[in-house]
Amino acid sequence: MTDAIITGVPPLPDTPVARRALALVRETESAATANHSIRSALFARLCADHRGAVPGREYDEELLFLACLLHDIGLTETGDRRQRFEVDGADTAAEFLTAQGLPAADVDAVWEAIALHTSPGIADRRGTLCALVHRGTAMDFGLGTDFVDDATGAAIHATYPRLSMATTITDEIVAQARRRPEKAPHYSIAAELLRERSTPPHTTWMETSAEAARWGN
């Protein structure tokens, strides 16, 4: 896939580590999850601009891209270990970025943002990077998108189609939890999705919320 320049949206970082991370995501994640990860990065940048956050001073553009891009790497075969998918993803991303030569402090910042991306009320209190990753991923589910105009949203989705993203991600989380129950501790997102998927009508809140939100599933 060629990454097009989308009018009104900052371009994806074009650094060696960003290119390698993008290749990793496309090689290991499902198409729906990979597109969600890229869209989350684009929405996070739009959110940063909307908030007036200054790149290079309040956050690092490359780290924001890497954290958003790799936030669901725990749903891949490589990232499927024995912890919550958020933590497995943070560990997998940290190992990859360490191997790419990123400084330990940058790796730790990305680890924290990925580990907390599903934690409302916590991510927003852990600095700009964590807040933007959390907000970018939520925006791809249609939350907090009022400041994004219809043309920009349409252009993002034309370049990176949704492909029933909420259902795909739900299926991936549930499949991991069924194989390894320790990945779905009580009150975690994985545990809730597994419960809902196992109970009639077998449709989860994540799917119904996405369907009812601005972008759909």
Foldseek 3Di string as FASTA:
>chain_A
DDQDDFPPWDGQDDDPLSVVLLVVCVVWPDLLVQLLLQQLLRQLRVVCVVVVPDDPPQHDSNLLSLLSNQLQVCLTPVLLDQAASLQSSLVVSLVSVVVVPDDPVSSVLSSVLSSCLVPPPPQCVPGSSNVSSNVSSVVSLQPPCPVPDPSSVVRSCVSRPNPLNLVVVLVSLLVSCVVHVSNQPPPDPSVQSVVLCVDPVNDHPSQVSSCPHDRHD
